[in-house]
């Protein structure tokens, strides 16, 4: 590696570390050397060095709290290396996407419109998931004109492809429900103690169903063959195993309509062949 390559490599390394510092500070409300050590496989001394470099570049952005042994974002904090879209954090923390690589291929990804989700919403939910806590939230559903107070016990963040929601036990409905992150209002209030409701009791979450996807039978044999090849179908069918709680989202992601077929079979393309078997899990 020559001097120029070494300089570029160092710049990319510094950028990646600054990105993670901001990601954690903004969405979790705290950052210290531990996640930098784990994620980049560096020593505590190196992690501390990168934190100090960030503070030198952005004086006053972070404040140290000795009681939690971490830096928190100051009131004047402004991010410079992250996008501010919660999907960026959730993709990282769930392992869907890593930190930016050092060498990228030219590509383009269609970006969905960002949802309005505040760090004030995400920070308590992250703690609730990690510590199995109940949360008092204000939630605005499409079916209700006014927002409502709910006590929930969240267990999993879910990416449906178009949006993120949190799967949680709802004390009002006495059932496990999906709560869209952009529909929370105010700031969730963490409750003391450990919740008795976890993912283990979520029947729909723990039930596996198989979706049998086939080409629309109205298509010609040639059209069916094209679609079968697209989806690596075997014997004219694609078998998708998924959690029952995610079956509807899987169909939506594949644009498989079940309630009313598109009048144009070339637009419909795919159908759910075993609708009767799985319809109790759909909505």
Protein backbone atom coordinates (compact mmCIF):
# COMPACT_ATOMS: atom_id res chain seq x y z
CA UNK A 1 0.00 0.00 0.00
CA UNK A 2 1.50 3.34 -1.05
CA UNK A 3 1.12 6.63 0.87
CA UNK A 4 -1.91 7.77 -1.13
CA UNK A 5 -3.74 4.46 -0.61
CA UNK A 6 -2.90 4.57 3.10
CA UNK A 7 -4.33 8.10 3.42
CA UNK A 8 -7.55 7.10 1.62
CA UNK A 9 -7.87 3.99 3.79
CA UNK A 10 -7.42 6.01 6.99
CA UNK A 11 -10.01 8.56 5.85
CA UNK A 12 -12.54 5.82 5.11
CA UNK A 13 -11.84 4.17 8.47
CA UNK A 14 -12.34 7.46 10.32
CA UNK A 15 -15.56 8.13 8.42
CA UNK A 16 -16.96 4.69 9.32
CA UNK A 17 -16.20 5.21 13.02
CA UNK A 18 -17.72 8.70 13.02
CA UNK A 19 -20.79 7.22 11.33
CA UNK A 20 -21.24 4.66 14.11
CA UNK A 21 -20.62 7.22 16.86
CA UNK A 22 -23.39 9.42 15.48
CA UNK A 23 -25.71 6.49 14.79
CA UNK A 24 -25.58 5.34 18.43
CA UNK A 25 -25.58 8.82 19.94
CA UNK A 26 -28.62 9.88 17.90
CA UNK A 27 -30.79 6.77 18.04
CA UNK A 28 -29.76 5.16 21.36
CA UNK A 29 -28.97 8.38 23.18
CA UNK A 30 -25.55 7.19 24.34
CA UNK A 31 -22.21 5.99 23.01
CA UNK A 32 -18.95 4.80 24.55
CA UNK A 33 -15.93 2.78 23.51
CA UNK A 34 -17.55 -0.67 23.90
CA UNK A 35 -19.58 -0.81 20.65
CA UNK A 36 -16.65 0.66 18.69
CA UNK A 37 -14.37 -2.05 20.08
CA UNK A 38 -16.82 -4.83 19.23
CA UNK A 39 -17.87 -3.66 15.80
CA UNK A 40 -14.48 -2.65 14.45
CA UNK A 41 -12.46 -5.19 16.45
CA UNK A 42 -10.17 -2.52 17.87
CA UNK A 43 -8.67 -1.91 21.30
CA UNK A 44 -10.25 0.28 23.94
CA UNK A 45 -7.40 2.75 23.44
CA UNK A 46 -8.11 2.99 19.70
CA UNK A 47 -11.84 3.36 20.31
CA UNK A 48 -11.18 6.15 22.81
CA UNK A 49 -8.92 7.84 20.27
CA UNK A 50 -11.70 7.86 17.66
CA UNK A 51 -14.19 9.27 20.14
CA UNK A 52 -11.75 12.05 21.01
CA UNK A 53 -11.15 12.74 17.31
CA UNK A 54 -14.89 13.12 16.84
CA UNK A 55 -15.10 15.51 19.80
CA UNK A 56 -12.22 17.55 18.40
CA UNK A 57 -13.98 17.80 15.04
CA UNK A 58 -17.36 18.65 16.58
CA UNK A 59 -16.73 20.41 19.92
CA UNK A 60 -19.68 20.34 22.30
CA UNK A 61 -21.60 17.74 20.27
CA UNK A 62 -21.42 15.10 23.02
CA UNK A 63 -21.45 15.37 26.81
CA UNK A 64 -19.94 12.76 29.13
CA UNK A 65 -22.19 11.24 31.81
CA UNK A 66 -20.16 9.56 34.53
CA UNK A 67 -23.21 7.79 36.00
CA UNK A 68 -23.76 5.76 32.80
CA UNK A 69 -20.10 5.91 31.66
CA UNK A 70 -21.07 7.09 28.22
CA UNK A 71 -21.41 10.17 26.06
CA UNK A 72 -24.90 11.52 25.34
CA UNK A 73 -25.88 13.95 22.57
CA UNK A 74 -25.78 17.55 23.76
CA UNK A 75 -28.72 19.86 23.14
CA UNK A 76 -26.71 21.38 20.28
CA UNK A 77 -25.93 17.99 18.69
CA UNK A 78 -26.23 17.90 14.89
CA UNK A 79 -25.39 14.83 12.85
CA UNK A 80 -22.97 15.03 9.90
CA UNK A 81 -22.32 11.40 8.92
CA UNK A 82 -25.73 9.70 9.21
CA UNK A 83 -28.91 10.30 7.24
CA UNK A 84 -31.29 10.79 10.16
CA UNK A 85 -33.60 8.07 8.79
CA UNK A 86 -34.43 5.48 11.46
CA UNK A 87 -34.17 2.70 8.84
CA UNK A 88 -30.42 3.32 8.73
CA UNK A 89 -30.11 2.55 12.45
CA UNK A 90 -32.54 -0.37 12.46
CA UNK A 91 -30.87 -1.96 9.43
CA UNK A 92 -27.55 -1.74 11.27
CA UNK A 93 -28.64 -2.85 14.73
CA UNK A 94 -30.57 -5.84 13.35
CA UNK A 95 -27.69 -6.90 11.12
CA UNK A 96 -29.47 -6.22 7.82
CA UNK A 97 -26.84 -3.73 6.71
CA UNK A 98 -23.23 -3.31 7.89
CA UNK A 99 -21.32 -0.09 8.26
CA UNK A 100 -20.35 1.50 4.92
CA UNK A 101 -17.66 -0.64 3.25
CA UNK A 102 -14.26 0.73 2.27
CA UNK A 103 -14.76 -0.07 -1.40
CA UNK A 104 -18.17 0.22 -3.02
CA UNK A 105 -19.37 -0.86 -6.44
CA UNK A 106 -21.43 1.67 -8.39
CA UNK A 107 -25.06 0.92 -7.66
CA UNK A 108 -28.37 2.55 -6.89
CA UNK A 109 -31.03 1.53 -4.40
CA UNK A 110 -34.59 2.82 -4.59
CA UNK A 111 -35.19 4.79 -1.42
CA UNK A 112 -38.59 4.66 0.23
CA UNK A 113 -39.81 7.98 1.65
CA UNK A 114 -38.51 8.26 5.23
CA UNK A 115 -41.12 8.00 7.95
CA UNK A 116 -41.36 10.66 10.63
CA UNK A 117 -39.77 8.87 13.60
CA UNK A 118 -38.08 10.75 16.41
CA UNK A 119 -35.10 9.45 18.44
CA UNK A 120 -37.31 10.20 21.48
CA UNK A 121 -39.50 7.30 20.29
CA UNK A 122 -36.71 4.88 19.43
CA UNK A 123 -34.49 5.25 22.52
CA UNK A 124 -37.04 3.96 25.10
CA UNK A 125 -38.19 1.20 22.73
CA UNK A 126 -34.60 -0.03 22.34
CA UNK A 127 -34.21 -0.18 26.13
CA UNK A 128 -37.59 -1.93 26.48
CA UNK A 129 -36.59 -4.63 23.98
CA UNK A 130 -33.19 -5.20 25.57
CA UNK A 131 -34.47 -5.22 29.15
CA UNK A 132 -37.94 -6.76 28.58
CA UNK A 133 -39.72 -3.70 29.97
CA UNK A 134 -43.30 -2.50 29.53
CA UNK A 135 -43.78 0.88 27.88
CA UNK A 136 -46.59 3.39 28.22
CA UNK A 137 -47.08 4.85 24.75
CA UNK A 138 -49.40 7.17 22.86
CA UNK A 139 -50.38 5.60 19.54
CA UNK A 140 -52.32 6.93 16.55
CA UNK A 141 -53.94 4.18 14.49
CA UNK A 142 -55.59 4.68 11.10
CA UNK A 143 -58.91 3.42 12.47
CA UNK A 144 -59.05 5.96 15.31
CA UNK A 145 -59.46 9.71 14.96
CA UNK A 146 -57.52 10.40 18.16
CA UNK A 147 -54.33 8.96 19.56
CA UNK A 148 -54.74 6.49 22.41
CA UNK A 149 -52.64 5.53 25.40
CA UNK A 150 -51.42 1.93 25.32
CA UNK A 151 -49.31 -0.23 27.60
CA UNK A 152 -47.21 -2.52 25.44
CA UNK A 153 -44.43 -5.07 25.90
CA UNK A 154 -42.33 -4.98 22.73
CA UNK A 155 -40.25 -8.00 21.71
CA UNK A 156 -39.06 -7.48 18.09
CA UNK A 157 -38.46 -4.76 15.52
CA UNK A 158 -39.80 -5.86 12.11
CA UNK A 159 -38.89 -4.57 8.66
CA UNK A 160 -41.71 -5.29 6.21
CA UNK A 161 -39.85 -3.88 3.23
CA UNK A 162 -41.76 -0.61 3.12
CA UNK A 163 -41.75 0.32 6.80
CA UNK A 164 -40.62 -0.67 10.28
CA UNK A 165 -42.89 -1.67 13.11
CA UNK A 166 -42.47 -3.16 16.56
CA UNK A 167 -44.18 -6.41 17.53
CA UNK A 168 -45.57 -6.13 21.06
CA UNK A 169 -48.12 -7.40 23.55
CA UNK A 170 -50.91 -4.83 23.85
CA UNK A 171 -52.65 -4.73 27.23
CA UNK A 172 -55.66 -2.92 25.79
CA UNK A 173 -56.34 -5.59 23.14
CA UNK A 174 -54.96 -8.47 25.21
CA UNK A 175 -53.12 -9.70 22.16
CA UNK A 176 -49.86 -9.32 20.28
CA UNK A 177 -50.08 -6.52 17.71
CA UNK A 178 -47.89 -4.66 15.23
CA UNK A 179 -47.23 -0.99 15.99
CA UNK A 180 -45.95 1.18 13.15
CA UNK A 181 -43.05 3.27 14.45
CA UNK A 182 -44.14 6.47 12.70
CA UNK A 183 -47.51 6.38 14.47
CA UNK A 184 -46.22 6.75 18.00
CA UNK A 185 -46.79 10.19 19.52
CA UNK A 186 -45.01 11.92 22.37
CA UNK A 187 -42.32 10.01 24.23
CA UNK A 188 -42.75 6.41 25.47
CA UNK A 189 -42.56 6.05 29.24
CA UNK A 190 -40.59 3.02 30.43
CA UNK A 191 -42.23 1.10 33.27
CA UNK A 192 -40.38 -0.53 36.15
CA UNK A 193 -39.95 -4.30 36.34
CA UNK A 194 -39.71 -7.05 33.76
CA UNK A 195 -42.71 -7.78 31.55
CA UNK A 196 -44.22 -11.26 31.69
CA UNK A 197 -45.11 -11.07 27.99
CA UNK A 198 -42.32 -12.13 25.65
CA UNK A 199 -41.90 -13.48 22.14
CA UNK A 200 -42.23 -17.02 23.50
CA UNK A 201 -45.95 -16.51 24.22
CA UNK A 202 -46.69 -14.91 20.83
CA UNK A 203 -48.50 -17.74 19.01
CA UNK A 204 -48.60 -16.05 15.59
CA UNK A 205 -44.92 -15.20 15.91
CA UNK A 206 -43.92 -18.77 16.73
CA UNK A 207 -46.23 -20.49 14.24
CA UNK A 208 -44.63 -21.35 10.91
CA UNK A 209 -46.82 -21.39 7.79
CA UNK A 210 -45.99 -22.27 4.20
CA UNK A 211 -47.18 -19.97 1.42
CA UNK A 212 -47.56 -21.74 -1.92
CA UNK A 213 -46.97 -19.17 -4.64
CA UNK A 214 -47.74 -19.98 -8.27
CA UNK A 215 -47.97 -18.08 -11.56
CA UNK A 216 -51.41 -16.66 -12.25
CA UNK A 217 -53.29 -19.50 -13.98
CA UNK A 218 -54.66 -17.03 -16.54
CA UNK A 219 -51.18 -16.56 -18.01
CA UNK A 220 -50.03 -18.42 -21.11
CA UNK A 221 -47.66 -21.37 -20.71
CA UNK A 222 -44.80 -19.24 -22.01
CA UNK A 223 -45.54 -16.46 -19.51
CA UNK A 224 -45.80 -18.98 -16.67
CA UNK A 225 -42.40 -20.43 -17.65
CA UNK A 226 -40.81 -16.97 -17.43
CA UNK A 227 -42.18 -16.38 -13.93
CA UNK A 228 -41.28 -19.88 -12.76
CA UNK A 229 -37.69 -19.21 -13.82
CA UNK A 230 -37.69 -15.75 -12.19
CA UNK A 231 -38.54 -17.23 -8.79
CA UNK A 232 -36.71 -20.58 -9.11
CA UNK A 233 -40.00 -22.42 -8.79
CA UNK A 234 -40.02 -26.19 -8.53
CA UNK A 235 -42.89 -28.04 -10.25
CA UNK A 236 -44.58 -24.72 -10.93
CA UNK A 237 -44.64 -23.51 -7.34
CA UNK A 238 -42.57 -21.51 -4.87
CA UNK A 239 -42.86 -22.61 -1.24
CA UNK A 240 -42.14 -19.83 1.25
CA UNK A 241 -41.98 -20.65 4.93
CA UNK A 242 -42.60 -17.68 7.20
CA UNK A 243 -43.88 -16.75 10.61
CA UNK A 244 -47.68 -16.58 10.60
CA UNK A 245 -47.45 -13.02 11.96
CA UNK A 246 -45.46 -12.02 8.86
CA UNK A 247 -47.44 -13.90 6.20
CA UNK A 248 -49.45 -10.88 5.08
CA UNK A 249 -46.35 -8.70 4.82
CA UNK A 250 -44.57 -11.38 2.78
CA UNK A 251 -47.46 -11.44 0.31
CA UNK A 252 -47.53 -7.65 0.15
CA UNK A 253 -43.80 -7.55 -0.55
CA UNK A 254 -44.32 -9.99 -3.45
CA UNK A 255 -47.36 -7.94 -4.58
CA UNK A 256 -49.57 -11.02 -4.30
CA UNK A 257 -53.18 -9.89 -4.03
CA UNK A 258 -55.55 -12.27 -2.24
CA UNK A 259 -58.80 -10.35 -1.83
CA UNK A 260 -59.26 -9.18 -5.40
CA UNK A 261 -57.20 -10.29 -8.40
CA UNK A 262 -55.92 -7.71 -10.83
CA UNK A 263 -57.96 -7.76 -14.02
CA UNK A 264 -54.72 -8.05 -15.98
CA UNK A 265 -52.98 -11.40 -15.29
CA UNK A 266 -49.66 -9.97 -16.52
CA UNK A 267 -49.93 -7.37 -13.75
CA UNK A 268 -51.05 -9.91 -11.12
CA UNK A 269 -48.37 -12.47 -12.12
CA UNK A 270 -48.41 -14.40 -8.81
CA UNK A 271 -51.22 -15.99 -6.81
CA UNK A 272 -51.45 -17.65 -3.40
CA UNK A 273 -52.46 -21.23 -4.19
CA UNK A 274 -53.22 -22.31 -0.59
CA UNK A 275 -55.23 -19.29 0.50
CA UNK A 276 -57.82 -21.36 2.39
CA UNK A 277 -55.10 -22.97 4.50
CA UNK A 278 -53.52 -19.71 5.66
CA UNK A 279 -56.33 -17.15 5.47
CA UNK A 280 -56.82 -17.16 9.27
CA UNK A 281 -53.39 -15.54 9.60
CA UNK A 282 -54.02 -12.84 6.99
CA UNK A 283 -55.66 -9.46 7.42
